[in-house]
């Protein structure tokens, strides 16, 4: 994923507050967007909320509210959580906004006029929590294959999108564009799904059964199926039919980050809808794994919800962001526990990075009169360390392009360990006692400059803590942060500042 990008998260249902699954996708998108900006590219980052449909209506009834009030209250919780987690979105869309309603109605009218939508009768199984239709063969002992909750038998007249006519086209597109769905295991899953006949998609609900949604412009007795409504949000925010220049710039570079549970809706429903509208698919769809607690996927129904706001409050939002990015190998599931979170905090952050920052700041103050020292000559080991850091810059961005953040951070951690070993091996405290002040300056400057460069590479992950590191070293970015990704940017004479521990130790 090189060059400018339009990066999106799914839009989240407002039937309940955000949990670790929502936080992971949003933090992941934020980190990728920040890395793209660090490379000097434009990154337009979209997130938002899905506010129509039966789940939202049912949650509102349980809470004694009307659906819009339910949505308004839950949106505040999402926005508050994203602010706590330092999410740098460029747009936050709500599907109840007038701009989105207008576009959905326009798209529906356009498809109806083209004959891509027809009236018929649906008979089959329906999962209320997931708002998904299933065939008999999809069910697992009468339950939804995704959430394993009972499916309901439905027979009713509805409107259908002619999705099946695009099956051959989609099969060919996936074959011709192997990078469209990532990782490869998810592409294989979609290709397996498409080996069976692809039926047409029911895109309406009768108002007498569900009145919370966008009405069909050609038949006000029906509201739009929530997924058909929700997927169009990516076009709304990109400026489709409202800002032609913006849309031409963003849409060819769109990357959707999603959880694997909504892969089919994004990789089958959505491309066929776009084909019918007359638009190309997004550039890429990346489906990550699930967060599990006690061996089960995090969900409200199982009662194992992990609340990101609480975790960020406990050990800091940057530590939580780092944990999310580091622990999940892209495309695979990951386990969460308080023990794992605290272990990563104590081992990698407090004892690794935090310890390095503290000892280097202390050495600048104690051995170099509080200012970054000037170095007259370096040895082979300093040159090797410099080259190692510059190779790290390339490697981190290569891994980010592959959406392998865990690998990028693993390599950063290896360099941090090497920096700590470099300091231990050269022992500036001993050199100082021996009166070899030039050697002290050489070790202190080299390690400090390497720390500064590494801190820029983790800035998209931990934007607040890395700024604290720069304050400790007395470094201020000149112009774009990208310019700091060069060796020797830490100026001799900069004043170091002693600060509280970067990652305070906790029991």
Protein backbone atom coordinates (compact mmCIF):
# COMPACT_ATOMS: atom_id res chain seq x y z
CA UNK A 1 0.00 0.00 0.00
CA UNK A 2 2.25 2.76 -1.28
CA UNK A 3 1.43 6.36 -2.18
CA UNK A 4 -1.60 8.31 -1.02
CA UNK A 5 -4.44 6.34 0.55
CA UNK A 6 -8.04 6.45 1.67
CA UNK A 7 -8.26 4.18 4.69
CA UNK A 8 -11.50 3.15 6.35
CA UNK A 9 -12.77 1.16 9.30
CA UNK A 10 -16.19 -0.46 9.32
CA UNK A 11 -18.87 1.76 10.78
CA UNK A 12 -19.90 0.44 14.17
CA UNK A 13 -23.39 -0.39 15.40
CA UNK A 14 -24.70 1.96 18.07
CA UNK A 15 -26.56 -0.76 19.95
CA UNK A 16 -23.79 -0.87 22.58
CA UNK A 17 -20.53 0.78 23.64
CA UNK A 18 -17.19 0.08 21.91
CA UNK A 19 -15.13 -2.97 22.91
CA UNK A 20 -11.59 -4.16 22.13
CA UNK A 21 -12.62 -5.43 18.68
CA UNK A 22 -13.82 -1.97 17.64
CA UNK A 23 -10.74 -0.39 19.24
CA UNK A 24 -8.35 -2.70 17.40
CA UNK A 25 -9.65 -1.95 13.91
CA UNK A 26 -9.75 1.78 14.62
CA UNK A 27 -6.29 1.92 16.20
CA UNK A 28 -4.92 -0.19 13.35
CA UNK A 29 -6.35 2.21 10.77
CA UNK A 30 -5.07 5.19 12.72
CA UNK A 31 -1.55 3.76 12.94
CA UNK A 32 -1.45 2.98 9.21
CA UNK A 33 -2.73 6.46 8.37
CA UNK A 34 -0.07 8.04 10.62
CA UNK A 35 2.68 5.97 8.98
CA UNK A 36 1.53 7.10 5.54
CA UNK A 37 1.66 10.73 6.70
CA UNK A 38 5.10 10.09 8.19
CA UNK A 39 6.23 9.05 4.71
CA UNK A 40 4.94 12.31 3.29
CA UNK A 41 1.79 10.87 1.70
CA UNK A 42 -1.79 12.03 2.03
CA UNK A 43 -3.90 9.72 4.16
CA UNK A 44 -7.63 10.34 4.46
CA UNK A 45 -8.93 8.28 7.39
CA UNK A 46 -12.64 7.52 7.84
CA UNK A 47 -14.53 5.90 10.68
CA UNK A 48 -18.07 6.27 11.98
CA UNK A 49 -21.25 4.63 13.19
CA UNK A 50 -23.97 2.46 11.62
CA UNK A 51 -27.23 3.77 13.08
CA UNK A 52 -30.06 2.00 11.25
CA UNK A 53 -31.43 -1.51 11.37
CA UNK A 54 -33.13 -3.93 13.71
CA UNK A 55 -30.31 -4.25 16.23
CA UNK A 56 -30.31 -0.52 16.90
CA UNK A 57 -34.11 -0.40 17.05
CA UNK A 58 -34.18 -3.32 19.52
CA UNK A 59 -31.48 -1.77 21.72
CA UNK A 60 -33.44 1.48 21.80
CA UNK A 61 -36.59 -0.36 22.89
CA UNK A 62 -34.66 -2.14 25.67
CA UNK A 63 -33.40 1.22 26.91
CA UNK A 64 -36.78 2.94 26.62
CA UNK A 65 -35.55 5.29 23.90
CA UNK A 66 -36.36 6.11 20.31
CA UNK A 67 -33.66 4.86 17.87
CA UNK A 68 -32.23 8.30 17.08
CA UNK A 69 -31.78 9.11 20.76
CA UNK A 70 -30.14 5.71 21.25
CA UNK A 71 -27.76 6.54 18.40
CA UNK A 72 -27.00 10.03 19.69
CA UNK A 73 -26.10 8.69 23.14
CA UNK A 74 -23.88 5.87 21.88
CA UNK A 75 -22.07 8.07 19.36
CA UNK A 76 -20.79 10.15 22.27
CA UNK A 77 -19.20 7.02 23.76
CA UNK A 78 -17.46 6.18 20.51
CA UNK A 79 -16.17 9.71 20.02
CA UNK A 80 -14.99 9.86 23.63
CA UNK A 81 -13.18 6.53 23.33
CA UNK A 82 -11.52 7.54 20.06
CA UNK A 83 -10.37 10.79 21.64
CA UNK A 84 -8.89 8.85 24.57
CA UNK A 85 -7.10 6.52 22.15
CA UNK A 86 -5.71 9.44 20.11
CA UNK A 87 -7.52 8.51 16.91
CA UNK A 88 -6.69 10.97 14.11
CA UNK A 89 -9.66 10.42 11.79
CA UNK A 90 -10.31 12.98 9.07
CA UNK A 91 -14.03 12.23 8.94
CA UNK A 92 -16.55 10.57 11.25
CA UNK A 93 -19.68 9.55 9.42
CA UNK A 94 -23.09 8.71 10.85
CA UNK A 95 -25.56 6.92 8.59
CA UNK A 96 -28.36 9.15 9.89
CA UNK A 97 -26.65 12.22 8.41
CA UNK A 98 -28.47 13.97 5.57
CA UNK A 99 -25.47 13.67 3.22
CA UNK A 100 -25.52 9.89 3.56
CA UNK A 101 -29.30 9.50 3.35
CA UNK A 102 -29.31 11.53 0.13
CA UNK A 103 -26.66 9.36 -1.48
CA UNK A 104 -28.30 6.07 -0.48
CA UNK A 105 -31.60 7.24 -1.96
CA UNK A 106 -29.83 8.39 -5.13
CA UNK A 107 -28.01 5.06 -5.56
CA UNK A 108 -31.20 3.09 -4.96
CA UNK A 109 -33.13 5.16 -7.51
CA UNK A 110 -30.32 4.78 -10.01
CA UNK A 111 -30.19 0.98 -9.63
CA UNK A 112 -33.99 0.73 -9.77
CA UNK A 113 -34.06 2.72 -13.00
CA UNK A 114 -31.40 0.43 -14.49
CA UNK A 115 -33.36 -2.69 -13.61
CA UNK A 116 -30.74 -3.85 -11.09
CA UNK A 117 -33.44 -4.07 -8.38
CA UNK A 118 -36.68 -6.05 -8.63
CA UNK A 119 -39.64 -6.98 -6.40
CA UNK A 120 -40.03 -10.60 -5.24
CA UNK A 121 -40.63 -12.92 -2.32
CA UNK A 122 -38.01 -14.05 0.17
CA UNK A 123 -38.20 -17.33 2.02
CA UNK A 124 -35.32 -18.37 4.21
CA UNK A 125 -33.42 -17.89 7.46
CA UNK A 126 -32.53 -14.60 9.09
CA UNK A 127 -30.16 -13.74 11.96
CA UNK A 128 -31.44 -10.71 13.85
CA UNK A 129 -28.19 -9.86 15.75
CA UNK A 130 -26.09 -9.95 12.56
CA UNK A 131 -28.92 -8.73 10.31
CA UNK A 132 -27.92 -11.36 7.75
CA UNK A 133 -29.90 -13.79 5.59
CA UNK A 134 -28.73 -17.40 5.41
CA UNK A 135 -29.62 -20.43 3.36
CA UNK A 136 -30.47 -23.76 4.95
CA UNK A 137 -27.01 -25.16 4.15
CA UNK A 138 -25.31 -22.20 5.86
CA UNK A 139 -26.88 -22.87 9.26
CA UNK A 140 -25.12 -24.80 12.01
CA UNK A 141 -27.74 -26.81 13.87
CA UNK A 142 -30.31 -24.13 13.15
CA UNK A 143 -28.05 -21.29 14.29
CA UNK A 144 -26.28 -18.43 12.53
CA UNK A 145 -22.82 -19.62 11.35
CA UNK A 146 -21.23 -16.35 12.52
CA UNK A 147 -22.65 -15.76 15.99
CA UNK A 148 -24.20 -19.22 16.68
CA UNK A 149 -27.46 -17.65 17.81
CA UNK A 150 -30.85 -18.99 16.62
CA UNK A 151 -31.92 -17.94 13.13
CA UNK A 152 -35.54 -17.07 12.34
CA UNK A 153 -37.58 -18.40 9.43
CA UNK A 154 -38.90 -15.58 7.25
CA UNK A 155 -41.34 -15.45 4.36
CA UNK A 156 -42.10 -11.97 3.03
CA UNK A 157 -42.21 -9.84 -0.12
CA UNK A 158 -39.17 -7.63 -0.58
CA UNK A 159 -36.91 -5.90 -3.08
CA UNK A 160 -33.83 -7.67 -4.37
CA UNK A 161 -30.54 -6.54 -5.90
CA UNK A 162 -29.44 -8.68 -8.85
CA UNK A 163 -26.19 -9.68 -7.18
CA UNK A 164 -26.04 -13.12 -8.80
CA UNK A 165 -25.51 -11.69 -12.30
CA UNK A 166 -22.09 -10.41 -11.20
CA UNK A 167 -20.75 -13.72 -9.88
CA UNK A 168 -18.64 -14.57 -12.93
CA UNK A 169 -17.27 -11.04 -13.08
CA UNK A 170 -16.27 -11.16 -9.38
CA UNK A 171 -14.62 -14.56 -9.74
CA UNK A 172 -12.57 -13.19 -12.62
CA UNK A 173 -11.72 -10.00 -10.75
CA UNK A 174 -10.37 -11.93 -7.77
CA UNK A 175 -8.26 -14.05 -10.10
CA UNK A 176 -6.85 -11.01 -11.90
CA UNK A 177 -6.24 -9.01 -8.69
CA UNK A 178 -4.62 -11.35 -6.16
CA UNK A 179 -3.87 -8.47 -3.75
CA UNK A 180 -7.47 -7.27 -3.62
CA UNK A 181 -8.36 -9.36 -0.56
CA UNK A 182 -5.71 -9.84 2.10
CA UNK A 183 -4.35 -11.92 3.66
CA UNK A 184 -4.38 -14.77 1.14
CA UNK A 185 -6.35 -17.02 3.50
CA UNK A 186 -9.28 -14.59 3.35
CA UNK A 187 -9.13 -14.45 -0.43
CA UNK A 188 -9.28 -18.24 -0.48
CA UNK A 189 -12.33 -18.09 1.80
CA UNK A 190 -14.16 -15.75 -0.58
CA UNK A 191 -13.23 -17.83 -3.61
CA UNK A 192 -14.61 -20.90 -1.83
CA UNK A 193 -17.83 -19.02 -1.10
CA UNK A 194 -18.15 -18.14 -4.79
CA UNK A 195 -17.94 -21.78 -5.89
CA UNK A 196 -21.61 -22.05 -4.92
CA UNK A 197 -24.30 -20.17 -6.87
CA UNK A 198 -24.49 -16.57 -5.74
CA UNK A 199 -28.11 -15.64 -5.20
CA UNK A 200 -29.65 -12.20 -5.34
CA UNK A 201 -29.51 -9.95 -2.28
CA UNK A 202 -32.64 -8.89 -0.38
CA UNK A 203 -32.14 -5.17 0.19
CA UNK A 204 -35.35 -4.10 1.93
CA UNK A 205 -37.46 -4.62 5.03
CA UNK A 206 -41.19 -3.90 5.17
CA UNK A 207 -41.95 -0.88 7.34
CA UNK A 208 -44.61 -2.87 9.18
CA UNK A 209 -41.80 -5.06 10.56
CA UNK A 210 -38.99 -2.50 10.80
CA UNK A 211 -39.52 1.22 10.41
CA UNK A 212 -36.01 2.39 11.46
CA UNK A 213 -34.04 2.87 8.26
CA UNK A 214 -33.78 4.80 5.01
CA UNK A 215 -37.01 4.48 3.00
CA UNK A 216 -36.78 3.18 -0.55
CA UNK A 217 -37.31 6.20 -2.82
CA UNK A 218 -39.47 4.14 -5.19
CA UNK A 219 -41.57 2.42 -2.49
CA UNK A 220 -42.00 4.12 0.87
CA UNK A 221 -43.50 0.97 2.38
CA UNK A 222 -39.98 -0.39 2.73
CA UNK A 223 -36.73 0.62 4.39
CA UNK A 224 -33.26 -0.21 3.06
CA UNK A 225 -31.44 -3.29 4.33
CA UNK A 226 -28.90 -2.03 6.85
CA UNK A 227 -25.86 -3.51 5.07
CA UNK A 228 -26.83 -1.99 1.70
CA UNK A 229 -27.20 1.34 3.49
CA UNK A 230 -24.01 1.02 5.54
CA UNK A 231 -21.59 0.02 2.79
CA UNK A 232 -22.41 3.14 0.81
CA UNK A 233 -20.90 5.24 3.62
CA UNK A 234 -17.48 4.73 2.01
CA UNK A 235 -18.74 6.55 -1.09
CA UNK A 236 -20.50 9.27 0.89
CA UNK A 237 -17.37 10.29 2.80
CA UNK A 238 -15.20 10.09 -0.33
CA UNK A 239 -17.35 12.70 -2.07
CA UNK A 240 -19.24 10.54 -4.57
CA UNK A 241 -21.83 12.76 -6.32
CA UNK A 242 -20.88 15.68 -4.06
CA UNK A 243 -17.18 16.43 -4.70
CA UNK A 244 -15.88 14.98 -7.97
CA UNK A 245 -12.27 16.06 -7.42
CA UNK A 246 -12.15 14.57 -3.94
CA UNK A 247 -13.71 11.31 -5.12
CA UNK A 248 -11.31 11.00 -8.06
CA UNK A 249 -8.40 11.44 -5.66
CA UNK A 250 -9.57 9.12 -2.89
CA UNK A 251 -11.51 6.20 -4.36
CA UNK A 252 -8.73 4.62 -6.48
CA UNK A 253 -6.66 4.46 -3.27
CA UNK A 254 -9.32 3.06 -0.91
CA UNK A 255 -8.35 0.35 1.58
CA UNK A 256 -11.01 -1.13 3.85
CA UNK A 257 -9.80 -2.53 7.18
CA UNK A 258 -12.38 -4.94 8.60
CA UNK A 259 -12.80 -7.91 10.92
CA UNK A 260 -13.00 -11.33 9.32
CA UNK A 261 -16.63 -11.75 10.43
CA UNK A 262 -17.79 -9.18 7.87
CA UNK A 263 -15.60 -10.41 5.02
CA UNK A 264 -18.39 -11.66 2.74
CA UNK A 265 -20.41 -8.46 2.97
CA UNK A 266 -17.34 -6.42 2.02
CA UNK A 267 -15.75 -8.81 -0.48
CA UNK A 268 -18.92 -10.05 -2.23
CA UNK A 269 -21.88 -7.74 -1.61
CA UNK A 270 -19.86 -4.54 -1.90
CA UNK A 271 -17.91 -5.15 -5.15
CA UNK A 272 -21.07 -6.34 -6.91
CA UNK A 273 -22.96 -3.26 -5.71
CA UNK A 274 -20.17 -1.03 -6.99
CA UNK A 275 -20.14 -2.86 -10.32
CA UNK A 276 -23.86 -2.23 -10.72
CA UNK A 277 -23.41 1.43 -9.81
CA UNK A 278 -20.66 1.71 -12.42
CA UNK A 279 -17.70 2.11 -10.04
CA UNK A 280 -14.54 0.03 -9.57
CA UNK A 281 -13.96 -1.88 -6.31
CA UNK A 282 -11.73 -0.37 -3.63
CA UNK A 283 -8.00 -0.95 -4.01
CA UNK A 284 -7.84 -3.51 -1.20
CA UNK A 285 -9.77 -5.15 1.61
CA UNK A 286 -7.83 -6.38 4.61
CA UNK A 287 -9.63 -8.67 7.05
CA UNK A 288 -7.93 -9.09 10.44
CA UNK A 289 -8.61 -11.75 13.03
CA UNK A 290 -10.62 -11.70 16.26
CA UNK A 291 -9.63 -10.88 19.78
CA UNK A 292 -10.42 -13.82 22.04
CA UNK A 293 -10.83 -13.91 25.78
CA UNK A 294 -10.80 -17.31 27.42
CA UNK A 295 -10.80 -18.94 23.99
CA UNK A 296 -13.97 -17.20 22.79
CA UNK A 297 -14.42 -14.20 20.48
CA UNK A 298 -15.06 -10.97 22.35
CA UNK A 299 -18.78 -10.16 22.12
CA UNK A 300 -21.58 -8.77 24.21
CA UNK A 301 -23.56 -12.03 23.96
CA UNK A 302 -20.80 -14.11 25.59
CA UNK A 303 -20.20 -11.55 28.33
CA UNK A 304 -16.44 -11.37 27.76
CA UNK A 305 -16.33 -7.75 26.57
CA UNK A 306 -13.04 -5.92 27.09
CA UNK A 307 -13.56 -2.16 27.33
CA UNK A 308 -10.75 -0.12 25.76
CA UNK A 309 -11.55 2.98 27.80
CA UNK A 310 -10.80 1.09 31.04
CA UNK A 311 -7.55 -0.37 29.69
CA UNK A 312 -6.32 3.00 28.46
CA UNK A 313 -7.13 4.52 31.84
CA UNK A 314 -5.17 1.80 33.63
CA UNK A 315 -1.82 1.93 31.79
CA UNK A 316 -2.19 4.77 29.31
CA UNK A 317 -3.59 5.00 25.80
CA UNK A 318 -0.18 4.70 24.12
CA UNK A 319 0.60 1.47 25.98
CA UNK A 320 -2.78 0.06 24.94
CA UNK A 321 -2.23 1.10 21.32
CA UNK A 322 1.18 -0.58 21.36
CA UNK A 323 -0.26 -3.77 22.83
CA UNK A 324 -2.96 -3.98 20.15
CA UNK A 325 -0.51 -3.44 17.28
CA UNK A 326 2.14 -5.78 18.67
CA UNK A 327 0.09 -8.75 19.85
CA UNK A 328 -2.06 -9.56 16.83
CA UNK A 329 -0.29 -11.11 13.86
CA UNK A 330 -2.17 -9.77 10.88
CA UNK A 331 -4.80 -12.15 9.62
CA UNK A 332 -4.73 -14.33 12.73
CA UNK A 333 -6.71 -14.29 15.97
CA UNK A 334 -5.11 -13.05 19.18
CA UNK A 335 -5.73 -13.64 22.87
CA UNK A 336 -6.28 -10.91 25.41
CA UNK A 337 -5.75 -11.07 29.14
CA UNK A 338 -4.75 -8.55 31.78
CA UNK A 339 -1.63 -10.65 32.40
CA UNK A 340 -0.52 -10.41 28.74
CA UNK A 341 -1.17 -6.67 28.68
CA UNK A 342 0.82 -6.06 31.87
CA UNK A 343 3.64 -8.33 30.70
CA UNK A 344 4.03 -6.39 27.45
CA UNK A 345 3.87 -3.11 29.38
CA UNK A 346 6.48 -4.12 31.95
CA UNK A 347 8.84 -6.04 29.67
CA UNK A 348 8.87 -4.21 26.37
CA UNK A 349 7.84 -0.69 27.34
CA UNK A 350 8.98 -0.06 30.92
CA UNK A 351 12.12 -2.22 31.06
CA UNK A 352 13.03 -1.82 27.39
CA UNK A 353 12.18 1.56 25.89
CA UNK A 354 11.46 3.39 29.14
CA UNK A 355 14.70 2.24 30.75
CA UNK A 356 16.71 3.34 27.71
CA UNK A 357 15.17 6.81 27.75
CA UNK A 358 15.82 7.21 31.47
CA UNK A 359 19.44 6.09 31.39
CA UNK A 360 20.36 8.20 28.33
CA UNK A 361 18.72 11.33 29.73
CA UNK A 362 20.53 10.77 33.02
CA UNK A 363 23.89 10.32 31.26
CA UNK A 364 23.46 13.50 29.21
CA UNK A 365 22.72 15.42 32.40
CA UNK A 366 25.41 13.73 34.52
CA UNK A 367 28.29 13.35 32.06
CA UNK A 368 27.64 16.01 29.41
CA UNK A 369 26.52 19.06 31.44
CA UNK A 370 22.89 18.49 30.43
CA UNK A 371 23.34 19.05 26.69
CA UNK A 372 23.61 16.63 23.77
CA UNK A 373 27.36 16.23 23.19
CA UNK A 374 29.28 16.84 19.99
CA UNK A 375 31.23 13.91 18.57
CA UNK A 376 34.49 14.34 16.65
CA UNK A 377 35.06 10.76 15.51
CA UNK A 378 33.30 7.40 15.56
CA UNK A 379 34.42 3.79 15.45
CA UNK A 380 33.15 0.85 13.46
CA UNK A 381 30.54 -0.08 16.06
CA UNK A 382 28.93 3.37 15.87
CA UNK A 383 28.86 3.16 12.08
CA UNK A 384 27.29 -0.29 12.31
CA UNK A 385 24.63 1.00 14.70
CA UNK A 386 23.87 3.93 12.42
CA UNK A 387 23.50 1.60 9.43
CA UNK A 388 21.31 -0.75 11.48
CA UNK A 389 18.95 2.11 12.31
CA UNK A 390 18.74 3.26 8.71
CA UNK A 391 17.93 -0.28 7.58
CA UNK A 392 15.24 -0.32 10.27
CA UNK A 393 13.55 2.69 8.65
CA UNK A 394 13.15 0.80 5.38
CA UNK A 395 12.09 -2.41 7.10
CA UNK A 396 9.42 -0.73 9.23
CA UNK A 397 7.79 0.91 6.23
CA UNK A 398 7.95 -2.32 4.22
CA UNK A 399 6.12 -4.13 7.02
CA UNK A 400 3.57 -1.34 7.33
CA UNK A 401 2.92 -1.58 3.58
CA UNK A 402 2.22 -5.30 4.16
CA UNK A 403 0.05 -4.40 7.18
CA UNK A 404 2.36 -6.47 9.38
CA UNK A 405 2.61 -4.06 12.28
CA UNK A 406 3.59 -6.81 14.70
CA UNK A 407 6.69 -7.54 12.59
CA UNK A 408 7.58 -3.86 12.35
CA UNK A 409 7.39 -3.46 16.13
CA UNK A 410 9.27 -6.68 16.72
CA UNK A 411 12.17 -5.30 14.68
CA UNK A 412 12.02 -2.00 16.57
CA UNK A 413 12.23 -3.93 19.84
CA UNK A 414 15.32 -5.77 18.59
CA UNK A 415 17.08 -2.45 17.91
CA UNK A 416 16.08 -1.12 21.34
CA UNK A 417 17.63 -4.23 22.92
CA UNK A 418 20.78 -3.65 20.88
CA UNK A 419 20.94 -0.03 22.05
CA UNK A 420 20.72 -1.11 25.67
CA UNK A 421 23.47 -3.68 25.02
CA UNK A 422 25.59 -1.03 23.28
CA UNK A 423 25.38 1.20 26.34
CA UNK A 424 26.12 -1.71 28.69
CA UNK A 425 29.05 -2.92 26.60
CA UNK A 426 30.68 0.51 26.39
CA UNK A 427 29.83 1.53 30.00
CA UNK A 428 30.01 5.36 29.79
CA UNK A 429 30.00 5.49 33.59
CA UNK A 430 33.32 3.65 33.64
CA UNK A 431 34.74 5.73 30.78
CA UNK A 432 33.79 8.88 32.68
CA UNK A 433 35.64 7.71 35.79
CA UNK A 434 38.68 6.95 33.61
CA UNK A 435 38.59 10.47 32.19
CA UNK A 436 37.90 9.35 28.60
CA UNK A 437 35.35 12.08 27.98
CA UNK A 438 35.52 11.86 24.18
CA UNK A 439 34.52 8.19 24.36
CA UNK A 440 31.67 9.10 26.72
CA UNK A 441 30.40 11.72 24.30
CA UNK A 442 30.61 9.27 21.41
CA UNK A 443 28.56 6.60 23.18
CA UNK A 444 26.00 9.01 24.59
CA UNK A 445 25.43 10.83 21.28
CA UNK A 446 25.23 7.65 19.19
CA UNK A 447 22.74 5.97 21.52
CA UNK A 448 20.67 9.16 21.87
CA UNK A 449 20.50 9.75 18.12
CA UNK A 450 19.53 6.12 17.56
CA UNK A 451 16.83 6.46 20.23
CA UNK A 452 15.50 9.62 18.56
CA UNK A 453 15.27 7.90 15.20
CA UNK A 454 13.61 4.81 16.68
CA UNK A 455 11.13 7.02 18.51
CA UNK A 456 10.02 8.55 15.21
CA UNK A 457 9.43 5.06 13.85
CA UNK A 458 7.08 4.24 16.74
CA UNK A 459 5.47 7.69 16.78
CA UNK A 460 2.43 6.49 14.76
CA UNK A 461 1.88 3.84 17.43
CA UNK A 462 2.59 5.96 20.51
CA UNK A 463 2.16 9.62 19.54
CA UNK A 464 2.21 11.01 23.09
CA UNK A 465 5.06 8.99 24.61
CA UNK A 466 7.36 9.65 21.67
CA UNK A 467 6.88 13.39 22.08
CA UNK A 468 7.99 12.95 25.68
CA UNK A 469 11.13 11.21 24.42
CA UNK A 470 11.88 14.17 22.15
CA UNK A 471 11.46 16.53 25.10
CA UNK A 472 13.89 14.42 27.14
CA UNK A 473 16.48 14.65 24.35
CA UNK A 474 15.79 18.32 23.64
CA UNK A 475 14.83 17.58 20.04
CA UNK A 476 12.23 19.55 18.13
CA UNK A 477 11.19 18.49 14.61
CA UNK A 478 11.95 21.09 11.97
CA UNK A 479 9.15 21.10 9.43
CA UNK A 480 7.76 17.72 8.43
CA UNK A 481 8.52 14.83 10.75
CA UNK A 482 9.69 12.87 7.71
CA UNK A 483 12.85 15.00 7.69
CA UNK A 484 13.78 13.51 11.05
CA UNK A 485 14.27 10.07 9.49
CA UNK A 486 17.90 10.91 8.76
CA UNK A 487 20.93 10.16 10.86
CA UNK A 488 22.50 13.15 12.62
CA UNK A 489 19.35 15.22 13.08
CA UNK A 490 19.83 15.43 16.87
CA UNK A 491 21.82 18.65 17.23
CA UNK A 492 24.72 18.86 19.68
CA UNK A 493 24.00 21.48 22.30
CA UNK A 494 20.32 20.58 22.66
CA UNK A 495 19.26 20.67 26.30
CA UNK A 496 18.12 17.41 27.84
CA UNK A 497 15.21 17.42 30.28
CA UNK A 498 14.66 14.97 33.09
CA UNK A 499 11.06 13.81 33.21
CA UNK A 500 9.06 11.28 35.22
CA UNK A 501 9.45 7.66 34.04
CA UNK A 502 8.04 7.17 30.56
CA UNK A 503 6.21 4.01 31.65
CA UNK A 504 5.83 4.04 35.45
CA UNK A 505 6.19 0.63 37.04
CA UNK A 506 2.96 -0.86 38.32
CA UNK A 507 2.15 -3.86 40.47
